[in-house]
Amino acid sequence: MWHTSCIFNENKIIMKESYSSLSVAIADLQKSGYETDFNLIEEGIKSKSLKKEWKAGELNVIKYYRFEGMTNPGDNTILYVIETTDGKKGLLVDAYGADCGPVSQEMIKKLNIQRNE
């Protein structure tokens, strides 16, 4: 039986603090409404399925989760939970430490979340 890791509290979704794996996190968050698959681009993010792009100022990172590879600790991934200013909710999977191409300073600041949040 599947149990949701999000609960509603005064119309806010409270997300689980951690997940056992990236695939478990993605499945759970998609069931919680974060269904859009975002990709990182230089000035922000895009959705190939929606054929739309958002600049860094048009999105909010709600939460993030870090994962390390089981066999290779160098395989590091961050899962960003994102909401856009026009109401789209989705996920961005980013392998950190890898060369992902040029990204604007504004987008780097947007993805640089304080650990104590």
Protein backbone atom coordinates (compact mmCIF):
# COMPACT_ATOMS: atom_id res chain seq x y z
CA MET A 1 0.00 0.00 0.00
CA TRP A 2 1.35 3.41 -0.97
CA HIS A 3 1.36 6.17 1.65
CA THR A 4 1.85 9.79 0.70
CA SER A 5 4.79 11.59 2.25
CA CYS A 6 3.11 14.96 1.93
CA ILE A 7 0.44 16.23 4.26
CA PHE A 8 -1.70 19.30 3.90
CA ASN A 9 -1.46 21.87 6.67
CA GLU A 10 -3.36 25.14 6.22
CA ASN A 11 -3.32 24.70 2.41
CA LYS A 12 0.44 24.12 2.33
CA ILE A 13 2.11 20.89 1.29
CA ILE A 14 4.65 19.64 3.81
CA MET A 15 7.20 17.46 2.05
CA LYS A 16 9.12 14.51 3.36
CA GLU A 17 12.59 15.36 4.67
CA SER A 18 14.38 12.60 2.75
CA TYR A 19 13.90 9.66 0.41
CA SER A 20 15.70 6.34 0.03
CA SER A 21 16.39 6.91 -3.67
CA LEU A 22 15.93 9.37 -6.50
CA SER A 23 13.31 7.19 -8.22
CA VAL A 24 11.25 6.91 -5.01
CA ALA A 25 11.40 10.70 -4.55
CA ILE A 26 10.33 11.40 -8.13
CA ALA A 27 7.41 8.96 -7.96
CA ASP A 28 6.18 10.37 -4.64
CA LEU A 29 6.49 14.02 -5.67
CA GLN A 30 4.75 13.37 -8.99
CA LYS A 31 1.83 11.87 -7.07
CA SER A 32 1.80 15.08 -5.01
CA GLY A 33 1.27 17.19 -8.13
CA TYR A 34 4.86 17.95 -9.21
CA GLU A 35 4.40 16.40 -12.64
CA THR A 36 6.20 18.72 -15.08
CA ASP A 37 9.66 17.54 -16.15
CA PHE A 38 11.93 20.60 -16.17
CA ASN A 39 15.33 20.87 -17.87
CA LEU A 40 18.03 23.37 -16.98
CA ILE A 41 18.86 25.96 -19.65
CA GLU A 42 21.17 28.97 -19.57
CA GLU A 43 18.61 31.55 -18.41
CA GLY A 44 16.28 29.27 -16.39
CA ILE A 45 14.31 26.09 -17.04
CA LYS A 46 12.22 24.61 -19.83
CA SER A 47 9.60 21.93 -20.30
CA LYS A 48 9.91 20.05 -23.57
CA SER A 49 6.40 18.60 -23.27
CA LEU A 50 4.82 22.01 -22.66
CA LYS A 51 7.16 23.72 -25.15
CA LYS A 52 7.70 26.54 -22.66
CA GLU A 53 10.62 28.26 -20.93
CA TRP A 54 10.81 30.18 -17.65
CA LYS A 55 13.55 32.60 -16.65
CA ALA A 56 15.10 32.35 -13.19
CA GLY A 57 12.84 35.14 -11.89
CA GLU A 58 9.74 33.20 -12.95
CA LEU A 59 10.32 30.18 -10.73
CA ASN A 60 10.69 29.24 -7.10
CA VAL A 61 12.67 26.32 -5.72
CA ILE A 62 10.39 24.90 -3.02
CA LYS A 63 12.74 22.19 -1.76
CA TYR A 64 15.65 20.09 -2.91
CA TYR A 65 16.96 16.58 -2.20
CA ARG A 66 20.55 15.37 -2.62
CA PHE A 67 21.42 11.82 -3.63
CA GLU A 68 24.78 10.04 -3.89
CA GLY A 69 25.37 7.05 -6.12
CA MET A 70 25.37 3.71 -4.30
CA THR A 71 28.38 2.31 -6.17
CA ASN A 72 30.10 5.60 -7.00
CA PRO A 73 29.88 8.50 -4.54
CA GLY A 74 30.92 10.72 -7.46
CA ASP A 75 27.49 10.12 -9.00
CA ASN A 76 25.80 12.99 -7.20
CA THR A 77 22.35 14.26 -8.10
CA ILE A 78 20.08 17.02 -6.81
CA LEU A 79 16.32 16.85 -7.28
CA TYR A 80 14.76 20.33 -7.24
CA VAL A 81 11.06 20.75 -6.48
CA ILE A 82 9.96 23.79 -8.51
CA GLU A 83 6.87 25.96 -8.87
CA THR A 84 6.65 28.57 -11.62
CA THR A 85 4.95 31.93 -11.28
CA ASP A 86 2.25 30.78 -13.72
CA GLY A 87 1.35 27.77 -11.56
CA LYS A 88 3.29 24.89 -13.11
CA LYS A 89 4.70 22.41 -10.60
CA GLY A 90 7.48 20.02 -11.44
CA LEU A 91 10.91 18.56 -10.91
CA LEU A 92 14.41 19.30 -12.15
CA VAL A 93 17.03 16.56 -11.85
CA ASP A 94 20.59 17.89 -11.98
CA ALA A 95 23.84 15.95 -11.71
CA TYR A 96 26.08 18.23 -9.70
CA GLY A 97 29.78 18.21 -10.25
CA ALA A 98 29.18 17.53 -13.94
CA ASP A 99 29.73 20.07 -16.71
CA CYS A 100 26.18 20.98 -17.69
CA GLY A 101 27.02 23.88 -19.97
CA PRO A 102 26.56 27.61 -19.45
CA VAL A 103 24.09 28.74 -16.80
CA SER A 104 23.34 32.40 -15.98
CA GLN A 105 24.42 33.92 -12.65
CA GLU A 106 20.75 34.57 -11.82
CA MET A 107 19.93 30.87 -12.28
CA ILE A 108 22.96 29.79 -10.25
CA LYS A 109 21.76 32.03 -7.40
CA LYS A 110 18.23 30.61 -7.70
CA LEU A 111 19.52 27.04 -7.35
CA ASN A 112 21.95 27.87 -4.55
CA ILE A 113 19.63 27.09 -1.63
CA GLN A 114 20.74 27.71 1.92
CA ARG A 115 21.17 24.47 3.88
CA ASN A 116 19.40 25.85 6.95
CA GLU A 117 16.08 26.47 5.17
